[in-house]
Every structure is written in C-alpha cells, then in structure tokens.
Amino acid sequence: MRACRLALHIGGMSNRIAPVSLAARTDLMSIWDHERNDGLEPSTLRDRSHVKAWWICAAHGSYERRIDLQTKGVTCPLCLPR
C-alpha cells in the first residue's frame, strides 16, 4: 500500500525543531539593529522567517539579510570570504 505524499511530508516534519520567537534568540538580538528595524517586533517574528531585517556588524555597520539566513549563521556580506 502506498502512503499519501501529504502524510509522508507531515511525518517528516515531526523530526524538526519547532521555530522559536526571534526575541528568545539572544545571539541574534545582540546584533539586531533596533533603529533600522523600526516597526518590526522580534517577539512577533520566528527564527525561520523569510522577512528581511537589519543587523549590525561590528566591523562594517548595518546590513540587511533575511532572518532565516541570519539564523543559519550567514554573516555580514563584507565579512564573507571571497
């Protein structure tokens, strides 16, 4: 008997860690640019969100990046190795 594709997809999701509020991620909140993110509330956003936000790099200042990419450890575009 073949399993329903939706059932397989839902079953596969059970192994993943649930997204958490961005406000609970102290590592991300330490580089959150409060001035440029005016209107975005970290408590209403999840760490897997595709919303673009502004972050602060100690070496290069503010830069814009999607929240989910920042969560995965992608850094400032100027700090990336070339």
N, C-alpha and C. Protein backbone atom coordinates (compact mmCIF):
# COMPACT_ATOMS: atom_id res chain seq x y z
N MET A 1 0.84 -1.18 0.00
CA MET A 1 0.00 0.00 0.00
C MET A 1 0.89 1.25 0.00
N ARG A 2 0.61 2.20 -0.87
CA ARG A 2 1.40 3.41 -0.96
C ARG A 2 0.90 4.46 0.03
N ALA A 3 1.84 5.11 0.66
CA ALA A 3 1.47 6.16 1.62
C ALA A 3 1.16 7.45 0.88
N CYS A 4 0.26 8.20 1.42
CA CYS A 4 -0.09 9.51 0.88
C CYS A 4 1.11 10.45 0.99
N ARG A 5 1.39 11.22 -0.06
CA ARG A 5 2.52 12.15 -0.03
C ARG A 5 2.40 13.15 1.10
N LEU A 6 1.19 13.64 1.35
CA LEU A 6 0.99 14.60 2.43
C LEU A 6 1.33 13.96 3.78
N ALA A 7 0.92 12.71 3.97
CA ALA A 7 1.21 12.03 5.23
C ALA A 7 2.72 11.85 5.41
N LEU A 8 3.43 11.55 4.33
CA LEU A 8 4.88 11.42 4.42
C LEU A 8 5.53 12.76 4.76
N HIS A 9 5.02 13.83 4.15
CA HIS A 9 5.56 15.17 4.41
C HIS A 9 5.33 15.57 5.86
N ILE A 10 4.11 15.35 6.34
CA ILE A 10 3.79 15.71 7.72
C ILE A 10 4.60 14.84 8.68
N GLY A 11 4.74 13.57 8.38
CA GLY A 11 5.52 12.68 9.23
C GLY A 11 6.98 13.11 9.31
N GLY A 12 7.52 13.58 8.20
CA GLY A 12 8.90 14.04 8.17
C GLY A 12 9.12 15.31 8.96
N MET A 13 8.08 16.10 9.11
CA MET A 13 8.19 17.36 9.85
C MET A 13 8.34 17.13 11.34
N SER A 14 7.92 15.98 11.84
CA SER A 14 7.94 15.74 13.28
C SER A 14 9.37 15.69 13.84
N ASN A 15 10.36 15.44 12.98
CA ASN A 15 11.74 15.35 13.44
C ASN A 15 12.41 16.72 13.55
N ARG A 16 11.80 17.75 13.03
CA ARG A 16 12.40 19.07 13.03
C ARG A 16 12.13 19.82 14.32
N ILE A 17 13.03 20.69 14.66
CA ILE A 17 12.85 21.53 15.84
C ILE A 17 11.91 22.66 15.48
N ALA A 18 10.96 22.94 16.33
CA ALA A 18 9.97 23.98 16.06
C ALA A 18 10.63 25.36 16.06
N PRO A 19 10.15 26.25 15.19
CA PRO A 19 10.70 27.61 15.18
C PRO A 19 10.41 28.32 16.51
N VAL A 20 11.31 29.20 16.88
CA VAL A 20 11.14 29.94 18.14
C VAL A 20 11.06 31.43 17.84
N SER A 21 10.56 32.15 18.80
CA SER A 21 10.48 33.60 18.68
C SER A 21 11.87 34.18 18.54
N LEU A 22 12.00 35.15 17.66
CA LEU A 22 13.28 35.80 17.46
C LEU A 22 13.75 36.49 18.75
N ALA A 23 12.82 36.99 19.53
CA ALA A 23 13.15 37.67 20.79
C ALA A 23 13.84 36.73 21.78
N ALA A 24 13.62 35.43 21.65
CA ALA A 24 14.23 34.45 22.55
C ALA A 24 15.65 34.10 22.13
N ARG A 25 16.06 34.52 20.95
CA ARG A 25 17.41 34.22 20.44
C ARG A 25 18.37 35.34 20.82
N THR A 26 19.00 35.21 21.98
CA THR A 26 19.90 36.27 22.46
C THR A 26 21.08 36.49 21.52
N ASP A 27 21.51 35.44 20.82
CA ASP A 27 22.61 35.59 19.87
C ASP A 27 22.23 36.53 18.73
N LEU A 28 20.97 36.46 18.29
CA LEU A 28 20.51 37.33 17.21
C LEU A 28 20.11 38.71 17.72
N MET A 29 19.54 38.77 18.91
CA MET A 29 19.12 40.06 19.45
C MET A 29 20.31 40.96 19.76
N SER A 30 21.47 40.36 19.98
CA SER A 30 22.67 41.17 20.26
C SER A 30 23.15 41.92 19.02
N ILE A 31 22.76 41.48 17.82
CA ILE A 31 23.17 42.17 16.60
C ILE A 31 21.98 42.75 15.85
N TRP A 32 20.80 42.74 16.45
CA TRP A 32 19.58 43.30 15.87
C TRP A 32 19.72 44.82 15.83
N ASP A 33 19.47 45.43 14.68
CA ASP A 33 19.57 46.89 14.54
C ASP A 33 18.21 47.50 14.88
N HIS A 34 18.07 47.96 16.13
CA HIS A 34 16.79 48.47 16.62
C HIS A 34 16.34 49.72 15.86
N GLU A 35 17.26 50.57 15.49
CA GLU A 35 16.90 51.81 14.79
C GLU A 35 16.36 51.53 13.38
N ARG A 36 17.04 50.72 12.62
CA ARG A 36 16.64 50.46 11.23
C ARG A 36 15.49 49.48 11.12
N ASN A 37 15.25 48.70 12.16
CA ASN A 37 14.14 47.74 12.16
C ASN A 37 12.90 48.33 12.82
N ASP A 38 12.77 49.64 12.79
CA ASP A 38 11.62 50.31 13.37
C ASP A 38 10.34 49.76 12.73
N GLY A 39 9.43 49.27 13.55
CA GLY A 39 8.20 48.67 13.04
C GLY A 39 8.21 47.16 13.04
N LEU A 40 9.38 46.54 13.13
CA LEU A 40 9.48 45.08 13.25
C LEU A 40 9.61 44.71 14.72
N GLU A 41 8.78 43.82 15.18
CA GLU A 41 8.82 43.37 16.56
C GLU A 41 9.41 41.96 16.64
N PRO A 42 10.59 41.80 17.23
CA PRO A 42 11.19 40.46 17.33
C PRO A 42 10.28 39.43 17.98
N SER A 43 9.43 39.86 18.90
CA SER A 43 8.55 38.90 19.59
C SER A 43 7.48 38.34 18.66
N THR A 44 7.22 39.00 17.53
CA THR A 44 6.20 38.51 16.59
C THR A 44 6.81 37.76 15.41
N LEU A 45 8.14 37.69 15.36
CA LEU A 45 8.83 37.03 14.26
C LEU A 45 9.44 35.72 14.73
N ARG A 46 9.56 34.78 13.83
CA ARG A 46 10.16 33.48 14.14
C ARG A 46 11.55 33.41 13.53
N ASP A 47 12.40 32.56 14.08
CA ASP A 47 13.78 32.45 13.59
C ASP A 47 13.88 31.84 12.19
N ARG A 48 12.79 31.31 11.66
CA ARG A 48 12.78 30.77 10.29
C ARG A 48 12.08 31.70 9.31
N SER A 49 11.77 32.90 9.73
CA SER A 49 11.04 33.85 8.90
C SER A 49 11.87 34.28 7.69
N HIS A 50 11.20 34.51 6.57
CA HIS A 50 11.86 34.99 5.36
C HIS A 50 11.82 36.51 5.26
N VAL A 51 11.40 37.17 6.33
CA VAL A 51 11.35 38.62 6.38
C VAL A 51 12.78 39.16 6.42
N LYS A 52 13.02 40.24 5.68
CA LYS A 52 14.34 40.88 5.73
C LYS A 52 14.40 41.81 6.92
N ALA A 53 15.54 41.81 7.59
CA ALA A 53 15.75 42.67 8.74
C ALA A 53 17.17 43.23 8.68
N TRP A 54 17.41 44.24 9.48
CA TRP A 54 18.74 44.86 9.54
C TRP A 54 19.50 44.34 10.74
N TRP A 55 20.79 44.07 10.54
CA TRP A 55 21.68 43.53 11.55
C TRP A 55 22.90 44.45 11.65
N ILE A 56 23.61 44.37 12.75
CA ILE A 56 24.79 45.21 12.95
C ILE A 56 26.05 44.34 12.97
N CYS A 57 26.97 44.67 12.08
CA CYS A 57 28.28 44.02 12.05
C CYS A 57 29.24 44.96 12.79
N ALA A 58 30.02 44.43 13.70
CA ALA A 58 30.96 45.25 14.47
C ALA A 58 32.01 45.90 13.56
N ALA A 59 32.33 45.24 12.47
CA ALA A 59 33.38 45.76 11.57
C ALA A 59 32.85 46.68 10.48
N HIS A 60 31.61 46.43 10.01
CA HIS A 60 31.13 47.14 8.82
C HIS A 60 29.81 47.89 8.98
N GLY A 61 29.21 47.88 10.14
CA GLY A 61 27.94 48.58 10.33
C GLY A 61 26.74 47.74 9.95
N SER A 62 25.66 48.41 9.58
CA SER A 62 24.39 47.73 9.30
C SER A 62 24.37 47.05 7.94
N TYR A 63 23.66 45.94 7.89
CA TYR A 63 23.42 45.23 6.63
C TYR A 63 22.07 44.55 6.72
N GLU A 64 21.45 44.31 5.56
CA GLU A 64 20.14 43.70 5.50
C GLU A 64 20.26 42.24 5.09
N ARG A 65 19.52 41.37 5.78
CA ARG A 65 19.57 39.94 5.49
C ARG A 65 18.27 39.32 5.98
N ARG A 66 17.80 38.27 5.30
CA ARG A 66 16.63 37.54 5.77
C ARG A 66 16.92 36.92 7.12
N ILE A 67 15.90 36.86 7.97
CA ILE A 67 16.07 36.33 9.32
C ILE A 67 16.50 34.87 9.29
N ASP A 68 15.91 34.05 8.42
CA ASP A 68 16.26 32.63 8.38
C ASP A 68 17.73 32.42 8.00
N LEU A 69 18.26 33.27 7.12
CA LEU A 69 19.67 33.13 6.74
C LEU A 69 20.59 33.56 7.88
N GLN A 70 20.20 34.60 8.59
CA GLN A 70 21.00 35.04 9.73
C GLN A 70 21.01 33.97 10.82
N THR A 71 19.87 33.29 10.98
CA THR A 71 19.76 32.20 11.96
C THR A 71 20.70 31.05 11.63
N LYS A 72 20.91 30.82 10.33
CA LYS A 72 21.78 29.72 9.89
C LYS A 72 23.26 30.09 9.99
N GLY A 73 23.55 31.31 10.42
CA GLY A 73 24.95 31.69 10.60
C GLY A 73 25.57 32.45 9.46
N VAL A 74 24.77 32.85 8.46
CA VAL A 74 25.32 33.66 7.37
C VAL A 74 25.63 35.03 7.95
N THR A 75 26.86 35.50 7.70
CA THR A 75 27.28 36.75 8.33
C THR A 75 27.17 37.93 7.39
N CYS A 76 27.72 39.01 7.82
CA CYS A 76 27.77 40.26 7.04
C CYS A 76 28.36 39.96 5.66
N PRO A 77 27.77 40.49 4.59
CA PRO A 77 28.28 40.22 3.25
C PRO A 77 29.72 40.68 3.05
N LEU A 78 30.13 41.70 3.77
CA LEU A 78 31.52 42.18 3.63
C LEU A 78 32.51 41.31 4.40
N CYS A 79 32.01 40.54 5.36
CA CYS A 79 32.88 39.65 6.15
C CYS A 79 33.05 38.27 5.51
N LEU A 80 32.20 37.95 4.53
CA LEU A 80 32.30 36.64 3.88
C LEU A 80 33.61 36.49 3.15
N PRO A 81 34.22 35.32 3.20
CA PRO A 81 35.47 35.11 2.45
C PRO A 81 35.20 35.16 0.96
N ARG A 82 36.12 35.69 0.23
CA ARG A 82 35.95 35.82 -1.23
C ARG A 82 36.73 34.76 -1.95
